[in-house]
Amino acid sequence: MINRLQAFGAKADDWRYLDLYRDYQRMHQEGDKVTYIVSVLSERYHVSERKIYSLVKRFGTDCTVDAV
């Protein structure tokens, strides 16, 4: 199972950021600008803005059948 998770890009500590990503999705659906969302979440979760952009990019990609 761990090999499959690694195959599609999951990292061991990704579970820590699930709430952050849910907040990102909610704010984005409400129409907030990405720059504003990243700034707010950076403060709220004590994570760098660069890390948030990276997480959003990684979590936003779909898992492919080949990877699993």
C-alpha atoms as a PDB file:
ATOM      1  CA  MET A   1       0.000   0.000   0.000  1.00  0.00           C
ATOM      2  CA  ILE A   2       2.800   2.419   0.848  1.00  0.00           C
ATOM      3  CA  ASN A   3       4.444   1.762  -2.516  1.00  0.00           C
ATOM      4  CA  ARG A   4       1.195   2.605  -4.274  1.00  0.00           C
ATOM      5  CA  LEU A   5       0.853   5.836  -2.335  1.00  0.00           C
ATOM      6  CA  GLN A   6       4.408   6.809  -3.228  1.00  0.00           C
ATOM      7  CA  ALA A   7       3.793   5.896  -6.864  1.00  0.00           C
ATOM      8  CA  PHE A   8       1.160   8.602  -7.254  1.00  0.00           C
ATOM      9  CA  GLY A   9       3.126  11.217  -5.342  1.00  0.00           C
ATOM     10  CA  ALA A  10       1.781  10.966  -1.789  1.00  0.00           C
ATOM     11  CA  LYS A  11       4.188  11.706   1.006  1.00  0.00           C
ATOM     12  CA  ALA A  12       4.163  10.336   4.538  1.00  0.00           C
ATOM     13  CA  ASP A  13       3.224  13.643   6.161  1.00  0.00           C
ATOM     14  CA  ASP A  14       0.486  14.647   3.687  1.00  0.00           C
ATOM     15  CA  TRP A  15      -2.215  13.772   6.223  1.00  0.00           C
ATOM     16  CA  ARG A  16      -1.148  16.849   8.216  1.00  0.00           C
ATOM     17  CA  TYR A  17      -2.285  19.145   5.430  1.00  0.00           C
ATOM     18  CA  LEU A  18      -5.726  17.730   4.621  1.00  0.00           C
ATOM     19  CA  ASP A  19      -7.541  20.384   6.679  1.00  0.00           C
ATOM     20  CA  LEU A  20      -5.449  23.088   5.046  1.00  0.00           C
ATOM     21  CA  TYR A  21      -6.396  21.809   1.592  1.00  0.00           C
ATOM     22  CA  ARG A  22     -10.084  21.608   2.536  1.00  0.00           C
ATOM     23  CA  ASP A  23      -9.930  25.235   3.687  1.00  0.00           C
ATOM     24  CA  TYR A  24      -8.200  26.163   0.432  1.00  0.00           C
ATOM     25  CA  GLN A  25     -10.934  24.489  -1.629  1.00  0.00           C
ATOM     26  CA  ARG A  26     -13.725  26.109   0.381  1.00  0.00           C
ATOM     27  CA  MET A  27     -12.215  29.601   0.116  1.00  0.00           C
ATOM     28  CA  HIS A  28     -11.540  29.146  -3.585  1.00  0.00           C
ATOM     29  CA  GLN A  29     -15.146  28.077  -4.205  1.00  0.00           C
ATOM     30  CA  GLU A  30     -16.322  31.137  -2.291  1.00  0.00           C
ATOM     31  CA  GLY A  31     -14.460  33.279  -4.816  1.00  0.00           C
ATOM     32  CA  ASP A  32     -11.405  34.362  -2.829  1.00  0.00           C
ATOM     33  CA  LYS A  33      -8.248  35.103  -4.775  1.00  0.00           C
ATOM     34  CA  VAL A  34      -5.483  32.495  -4.610  1.00  0.00           C
ATOM     35  CA  THR A  35      -2.907  34.965  -3.297  1.00  0.00           C
ATOM     36  CA  TYR A  36      -5.239  35.955  -0.459  1.00  0.00           C
ATOM     37  CA  ILE A  37      -6.067  32.325   0.351  1.00  0.00           C
ATOM     38  CA  VAL A  38      -2.404  31.350   0.500  1.00  0.00           C
ATOM     39  CA  SER A  39      -1.584  34.285   2.735  1.00  0.00           C
ATOM     40  CA  VAL A  40      -4.416  33.503   5.167  1.00  0.00           C
ATOM     41  CA  LEU A  41      -3.652  29.787   5.295  1.00  0.00           C
ATOM     42  CA  SER A  42       0.040  30.458   5.782  1.00  0.00           C
ATOM     43  CA  GLU A  43      -0.753  32.434   8.913  1.00  0.00           C
ATOM     44  CA  ARG A  44      -3.415  30.025  10.139  1.00  0.00           C
ATOM     45  CA  TYR A  45      -1.400  26.824   9.728  1.00  0.00           C
ATOM     46  CA  HIS A  46       2.103  28.255  10.242  1.00  0.00           C
ATOM     47  CA  VAL A  47       3.288  26.957   6.877  1.00  0.00           C
ATOM     48  CA  SER A  48       5.267  28.851   4.257  1.00  0.00           C
ATOM     49  CA  GLU A  49       3.408  30.203   1.247  1.00  0.00           C
ATOM     50  CA  ARG A  50       5.676  28.176  -1.036  1.00  0.00           C
ATOM     51  CA  LYS A  51       4.670  24.987   0.802  1.00  0.00           C
ATOM     52  CA  ILE A  52       0.980  25.806   0.333  1.00  0.00           C
ATOM     53  CA  TYR A  53       1.408  26.358  -3.411  1.00  0.00           C
ATOM     54  CA  SER A  54       3.241  23.024  -3.594  1.00  0.00           C
ATOM     55  CA  LEU A  55       0.532  21.212  -1.630  1.00  0.00           C
ATOM     56  CA  VAL A  56      -2.270  22.698  -3.697  1.00  0.00           C
ATOM     57  CA  LYS A  57      -0.554  21.632  -6.894  1.00  0.00           C
ATOM     58  CA  ARG A  58       0.089  18.108  -5.624  1.00  0.00           C
ATOM     59  CA  PHE A  59      -3.302  17.573  -3.980  1.00  0.00           C
ATOM     60  CA  GLY A  60      -5.080  19.055  -6.979  1.00  0.00           C
ATOM     61  CA  THR A  61      -3.786  16.465  -9.429  1.00  0.00           C
ATOM     62  CA  ASP A  62      -5.853  13.366 -10.062  1.00  0.00           C
ATOM     63  CA  CYS A  63      -4.510   9.938  -9.330  1.00  0.00           C
ATOM     64  CA  THR A  64      -4.080   7.974 -12.550  1.00  0.00           C
ATOM     65  CA  VAL A  65      -4.923   4.316 -13.007  1.00  0.00           C
ATOM     66  CA  ASP A  66      -1.330   3.589 -14.040  1.00  0.00           C
ATOM     67  CA  ALA A  67      -0.015   4.932 -10.751  1.00  0.00           C
ATOM     68  CA  VAL A  68      -2.276   2.753  -8.661  1.00  0.00           C
END
